[in-house]
PDB file of all heavy atoms in Angstrom:
ATOM      1  N   GLN A   1      89.071 112.601 100.094  1.00  0.00           N
ATOM      2  CA  GLN A   1      89.710 113.821 100.560  1.00  0.00           C
ATOM      3  C   GLN A   1      91.222 113.722 100.390  1.00  0.00           C
ATOM      4  O   GLN A   1      91.842 112.780 100.897  1.00  0.00           O
ATOM      5  CB  GLN A   1      89.352 114.086 102.026  1.00  0.00           C
ATOM      6  CG  GLN A   1      87.875 114.336 102.265  1.00  0.00           C
ATOM      7  CD  GLN A   1      87.355 115.529 101.481  1.00  0.00           C
ATOM      8  OE1 GLN A   1      87.937 116.612 101.528  1.00  0.00           O
ATOM      9  NE2 GLN A   1      86.261 115.334 100.757  1.00  0.00           N
ATOM     10  N   SER A   2      91.814 114.701  99.684  1.00  0.00           N
ATOM     11  CA  SER A   2      93.234 114.628  99.325  1.00  0.00           C
ATOM     12  C   SER A   2      93.942 115.952  99.598  1.00  0.00           C
ATOM     13  O   SER A   2      94.425 116.616  98.678  1.00  0.00           O
ATOM     14  CB  SER A   2      93.373 114.262  97.841  1.00  0.00           C
ATOM     15  OG  SER A   2      92.538 113.194  97.470  1.00  0.00           O
ATOM     16  N   PRO A   3      94.012 116.383 100.863  1.00  0.00           N
ATOM     17  CA  PRO A   3      94.638 117.677 101.160  1.00  0.00           C
ATOM     18  C   PRO A   3      96.118 117.694 100.809  1.00  0.00           C
ATOM     19  O   PRO A   3      96.831 116.702 100.985  1.00  0.00           O
ATOM     20  CB  PRO A   3      94.420 117.828 102.670  1.00  0.00           C
ATOM     21  CG  PRO A   3      94.244 116.435 103.181  1.00  0.00           C
ATOM     22  CD  PRO A   3      93.552 115.690 102.080  1.00  0.00           C
ATOM     23  N   LYS A   4      96.569 118.816 100.326  1.00  0.00           N
ATOM     24  CA  LYS A   4      97.947 118.965  99.885  1.00  0.00           C
ATOM     25  C   LYS A   4      98.913 118.826 101.067  1.00  0.00           C
ATOM     26  O   LYS A   4      98.681 119.340 102.151  1.00  0.00           O
ATOM     27  CB  LYS A   4      98.134 120.323  99.216  1.00  0.00           C
ATOM     28  CG  LYS A   4      99.460 120.515  98.539  1.00  0.00           C
ATOM     29  CD  LYS A   4      99.499 121.842  97.806  1.00  0.00           C
ATOM     30  CE  LYS A   4     100.853 122.058  97.162  1.00  0.00           C
ATOM     31  NZ  LYS A   4     100.909 123.374  96.469  1.00  0.00           N
ATOM     32  N   GLY A   5     100.000 118.090 100.807  1.00  0.00           N
ATOM     33  CA  GLY A   5     101.060 117.977 101.801  1.00  0.00           C
ATOM     34  C   GLY A   5     100.787 117.012 102.932  1.00  0.00           C
ATOM     35  O   GLY A   5     101.572 116.945 103.885  1.00  0.00           O
ATOM     36  N   LYS A   6      99.709 116.229 102.841  1.00  0.00           N
ATOM     37  CA  LYS A   6      99.339 115.347 103.950  1.00  0.00           C
ATOM     38  C   LYS A   6      99.442 113.862 103.618  1.00  0.00           C
ATOM     39  O   LYS A   6      99.935 113.067 104.405  1.00  0.00           O
ATOM     40  CB  LYS A   6      97.906 115.657 104.409  1.00  0.00           C
ATOM     41  CG  LYS A   6      97.716 117.037 104.975  1.00  0.00           C
ATOM     42  CD  LYS A   6      98.460 117.215 106.285  1.00  0.00           C
ATOM     43  CE  LYS A   6      98.166 118.561 106.912  1.00  0.00           C
ATOM     44  NZ  LYS A   6      98.921 118.762 108.179  1.00  0.00           N
ATOM     45  N   GLY A   7      98.931 113.485 102.443  1.00  0.00           N
ATOM     46  CA  GLY A   7      98.851 112.074 102.111  1.00  0.00           C
ATOM     47  C   GLY A   7      99.746 111.681 100.962  1.00  0.00           C
ATOM     48  O   GLY A   7     100.611 112.436 100.515  1.00  0.00           O
ATOM     49  N   ILE A   8      99.515 110.452 100.484  1.00  0.00           N
ATOM     50  CA  ILE A   8     100.156 109.966  99.269  1.00  0.00           C
ATOM     51  C   ILE A   8      99.045 109.646  98.279  1.00  0.00           C
ATOM     52  O   ILE A   8      98.122 108.879  98.583  1.00  0.00           O
ATOM     53  CB  ILE A   8     101.013 108.721  99.539  1.00  0.00           C
ATOM     54  CG1 ILE A   8     102.276 109.132 100.284  1.00  0.00           C
ATOM     55  CG2 ILE A   8     101.379 108.008  98.236  1.00  0.00           C
ATOM     56  CD1 ILE A   8     103.146 107.976 100.700  1.00  0.00           C
ATOM     57  N   TYR A   9      99.143 110.251  97.108  1.00  0.00           N
ATOM     58  CA  TYR A   9      98.164 110.048  96.057  1.00  0.00           C
ATOM     59  C   TYR A   9      98.960 109.665  94.804  1.00  0.00           C
ATOM     60  O   TYR A   9      99.653 110.492  94.215  1.00  0.00           O
ATOM     61  CB  TYR A   9      97.344 111.323  95.831  1.00  0.00           C
ATOM     62  CG  TYR A   9      96.974 111.996  97.131  1.00  0.00           C
ATOM     63  CD1 TYR A   9      97.544 113.205  97.507  1.00  0.00           C
ATOM     64  CD2 TYR A   9      96.091 111.376  98.031  1.00  0.00           C
ATOM     65  CE1 TYR A   9      97.241 113.800  98.725  1.00  0.00           C
ATOM     66  CE2 TYR A   9      95.778 111.963  99.244  1.00  0.00           C
ATOM     67  CZ  TYR A   9      96.356 113.178  99.592  1.00  0.00           C
ATOM     68  OH  TYR A   9      96.064 113.757 100.802  1.00  0.00           O
ATOM     69  N   VAL A  10      98.878 108.401  94.431  1.00  0.00           N
ATOM     70  CA  VAL A  10      99.712 107.886  93.347  1.00  0.00           C
ATOM     71  C   VAL A  10      98.912 106.912  92.498  1.00  0.00           C
ATOM     72  O   VAL A  10      98.110 106.132  93.025  1.00  0.00           O
ATOM     73  CB  VAL A  10     100.992 107.212  93.901  1.00  0.00           C
ATOM     74  CG1 VAL A  10     100.651 106.098  94.887  1.00  0.00           C
ATOM     75  CG2 VAL A  10     101.871 106.678  92.783  1.00  0.00           C
ATOM     76  N   SER A  11      99.115 106.992  91.184  1.00  0.00           N
ATOM     77  CA  SER A  11      98.503 106.043  90.255  1.00  0.00           C
ATOM     78  C   SER A  11      99.596 105.381  89.438  1.00  0.00           C
ATOM     79  O   SER A  11     100.494 106.060  88.930  1.00  0.00           O
ATOM     80  CB  SER A  11      97.521 106.753  89.316  1.00  0.00           C
ATOM     81  OG  SER A  11      96.401 107.246  90.027  1.00  0.00           O
ATOM     82  N   LEU A  12      99.512 104.064  89.311  1.00  0.00           N
ATOM     83  CA  LEU A  12     100.451 103.293  88.491  1.00  0.00           C
ATOM     84  C   LEU A  12      99.758 102.922  87.190  1.00  0.00           C
ATOM     85  O   LEU A  12      98.653 102.375  87.200  1.00  0.00           O
ATOM     86  CB  LEU A  12     100.897 102.033  89.227  1.00  0.00           C
ATOM     87  CG  LEU A  12     102.087 102.135  90.190  1.00  0.00           C
ATOM     88  CD1 LEU A  12     103.388 102.372  89.430  1.00  0.00           C
ATOM     89  CD2 LEU A  12     101.879 103.218  91.231  1.00  0.00           C
ATOM     90  N   LEU A  13     100.419 103.237  86.079  1.00  0.00           N
ATOM     91  CA  LEU A  13      99.855 103.037  84.750  1.00  0.00           C
ATOM     92  C   LEU A  13     100.614 101.930  84.030  1.00  0.00           C
ATOM     93  O   LEU A  13     101.832 102.021  83.847  1.00  0.00           O
ATOM     94  CB  LEU A  13      99.942 104.350  83.968  1.00  0.00           C
ATOM     95  CG  LEU A  13      99.462 104.355  82.513  1.00  0.00           C
ATOM     96  CD1 LEU A  13      97.994 103.963  82.425  1.00  0.00           C
ATOM     97  CD2 LEU A  13      99.683 105.745  81.910  1.00  0.00           C
ATOM     98  N   TYR A  14      99.885 100.901  83.633  1.00  0.00           N
ATOM     99  CA  TYR A  14     100.494  99.750  82.962  1.00  0.00           C
ATOM    100  C   TYR A  14      99.739  99.441  81.661  1.00  0.00           C
ATOM    101  O   TYR A  14      98.584  99.840  81.479  1.00  0.00           O
ATOM    102  CB  TYR A  14     100.425  98.508  83.852  1.00  0.00           C
ATOM    103  CG  TYR A  14     101.187  98.607  85.143  1.00  0.00           C
ATOM    104  CD1 TYR A  14     100.515  98.790  86.353  1.00  0.00           C
ATOM    105  CD2 TYR A  14     102.570  98.500  85.168  1.00  0.00           C
ATOM    106  CE1 TYR A  14     101.216  98.862  87.550  1.00  0.00           C
ATOM    107  CE2 TYR A  14     103.278  98.572  86.363  1.00  0.00           C
ATOM    108  CZ  TYR A  14     102.594  98.751  87.544  1.00  0.00           C
ATOM    109  OH  TYR A  14     103.283  98.829  88.729  1.00  0.00           O
ATOM    110  N   LYS A  15     100.416  98.696  80.791  1.00  0.00           N
ATOM    111  CA  LYS A  15      99.779  98.198  79.586  1.00  0.00           C
ATOM    112  C   LYS A  15     100.073  96.702  79.484  1.00  0.00           C
ATOM    113  O   LYS A  15     100.937  96.266  78.723  1.00  0.00           O
ATOM    114  CB  LYS A  15     100.280  98.932  78.341  1.00  0.00           C
ATOM    115  CG  LYS A  15      99.474  98.583  77.089  1.00  0.00           C
ATOM    116  CD  LYS A  15      99.870  99.429  75.904  1.00  0.00           C
ATOM    117  CE  LYS A  15      98.986  99.098  74.696  1.00  0.00           C
ATOM    118  NZ  LYS A  15      99.334  99.944  73.531  1.00  0.00           N
ATOM    119  N   PRO A  16      99.356  95.894  80.227  1.00  0.00           N
ATOM    120  CA  PRO A  16      99.625  94.449  80.228  1.00  0.00           C
ATOM    121  C   PRO A  16      99.094  93.773  78.976  1.00  0.00           C
ATOM    122  O   PRO A  16      98.016  94.099  78.495  1.00  0.00           O
ATOM    123  CB  PRO A  16      98.876  93.962  81.476  1.00  0.00           C
ATOM    124  CG  PRO A  16      97.766  94.941  81.633  1.00  0.00           C
ATOM    125  CD  PRO A  16      98.285  96.266  81.165  1.00  0.00           C
ATOM    126  N   ASP A  17      99.858  92.836  78.475  1.00  0.00           N
ATOM    127  CA  ASP A  17      99.443  92.074  77.298  1.00  0.00           C
ATOM    128  C   ASP A  17      98.696  90.828  77.769  1.00  0.00           C
ATOM    129  O   ASP A  17      99.172  89.694  77.654  1.00  0.00           O
ATOM    130  CB  ASP A  17     100.668  91.699  76.461  1.00  0.00           C
ATOM    131  CG  ASP A  17     100.289  91.004  75.153  1.00  0.00           C
ATOM    132  OD1 ASP A  17      99.105  91.108  74.771  1.00  0.00           O
ATOM    133  OD2 ASP A  17     101.162  90.360  74.549  1.00  0.00           O
ATOM    134  N   VAL A  18      97.513  91.056  78.337  1.00  0.00           N
ATOM    135  CA  VAL A  18      96.687  89.963  78.857  1.00  0.00           C
ATOM    136  C   VAL A  18      95.240  90.244  78.480  1.00  0.00           C
ATOM    137  O   VAL A  18      94.874  91.365  78.116  1.00  0.00           O
ATOM    138  CB  VAL A  18      96.801  89.824  80.391  1.00  0.00           C
ATOM    139  CG1 VAL A  18      98.231  89.544  80.812  1.00  0.00           C
ATOM    140  CG2 VAL A  18      96.271  91.076  81.086  1.00  0.00           C
ATOM    141  N   ALA A  19      94.406  89.217  78.570  1.00  0.00           N
ATOM    142  CA  ALA A  19      92.979  89.380  78.311  1.00  0.00           C
ATOM    143  C   ALA A  19      92.375  90.288  79.384  1.00  0.00           C
ATOM    144  O   ALA A  19      92.712  90.169  80.567  1.00  0.00           O
ATOM    145  CB  ALA A  19      92.283  88.024  78.321  1.00  0.00           C
ATOM    146  N   PRO A  20      91.487  91.201  78.996  1.00  0.00           N
ATOM    147  CA  PRO A  20      90.901  92.131  79.969  1.00  0.00           C
ATOM    148  C   PRO A  20      90.252  91.454  81.166  1.00  0.00           C
ATOM    149  O   PRO A  20      90.298  91.985  82.284  1.00  0.00           O
ATOM    150  CB  PRO A  20      89.872  92.898  79.125  1.00  0.00           C
ATOM    151  CG  PRO A  20      90.423  92.866  77.736  1.00  0.00           C
ATOM    152  CD  PRO A  20      91.071  91.514  77.615  1.00  0.00           C
ATOM    153  N   MET A  21      89.653  90.264  80.981  1.00  0.00           N
ATOM    154  CA  MET A  21      88.997  89.594  82.100  1.00  0.00           C
ATOM    155  C   MET A  21      89.964  89.256  83.221  1.00  0.00           C
ATOM    156  O   MET A  21      89.569  89.121  84.377  1.00  0.00           O
ATOM    157  CB  MET A  21      88.297  88.324  81.611  1.00  0.00           C
ATOM    158  CG  MET A  21      86.981  88.580  80.905  1.00  0.00           C
ATOM    159  SD  MET A  21      85.809  89.484  81.948  1.00  0.00           S
ATOM    160  CE  MET A  21      85.576  88.297  83.275  1.00  0.00           C
ATOM    161  N   ARG A  22      91.246  89.117  82.887  1.00  0.00           N
ATOM    162  CA  ARG A  22      92.222  88.812  83.931  1.00  0.00           C
ATOM    163  C   ARG A  22      92.387  89.964  84.911  1.00  0.00           C
ATOM    164  O   ARG A  22      92.847  89.778  86.044  1.00  0.00           O
ATOM    165  CB  ARG A  22      93.577  88.487  83.309  1.00  0.00           C
ATOM    166  CG  ARG A  22      93.707  87.054  82.847  1.00  0.00           C
ATOM    167  CD  ARG A  22      95.157  86.669  82.665  1.00  0.00           C
ATOM    168  NE  ARG A  22      95.946  86.882  83.872  1.00  0.00           N
ATOM    169  CZ  ARG A  22      97.266  86.964  83.896  1.00  0.00           C
ATOM    170  NH1 ARG A  22      97.951  86.847  82.777  1.00  0.00           N
ATOM    171  NH2 ARG A  22      97.918  87.150  85.021  1.00  0.00           N
ATOM    172  N   ALA A  23      92.034  91.175  84.476  1.00  0.00           N
ATOM    173  CA  ALA A  23      92.232  92.348  85.329  1.00  0.00           C
ATOM    174  C   ALA A  23      91.169  92.479  86.411  1.00  0.00           C
ATOM    175  O   ALA A  23      91.293  93.335  87.290  1.00  0.00           O
ATOM    176  CB  ALA A  23      92.265  93.616  84.471  1.00  0.00           C
ATOM    177  N   VAL A  24      90.154  91.635  86.350  1.00  0.00           N
ATOM    178  CA  VAL A  24      89.060  91.741  87.325  1.00  0.00           C
ATOM    179  C   VAL A  24      89.573  91.624  88.756  1.00  0.00           C
ATOM    180  O   VAL A  24      89.078  92.290  89.674  1.00  0.00           O
ATOM    181  CB  VAL A  24      87.991  90.661  87.040  1.00  0.00           C
ATOM    182  CG1 VAL A  24      86.958  90.618  88.153  1.00  0.00           C
ATOM    183  CG2 VAL A  24      87.321  90.933  85.698  1.00  0.00           C
TER     184      VAL A  24
END
């Protein structure tokens, strides 16, 4: 539930140069 003006809804987008398994 993400009602407007109430919470914080944020996504951080990265492109790490690491093996995908490290992201587990």
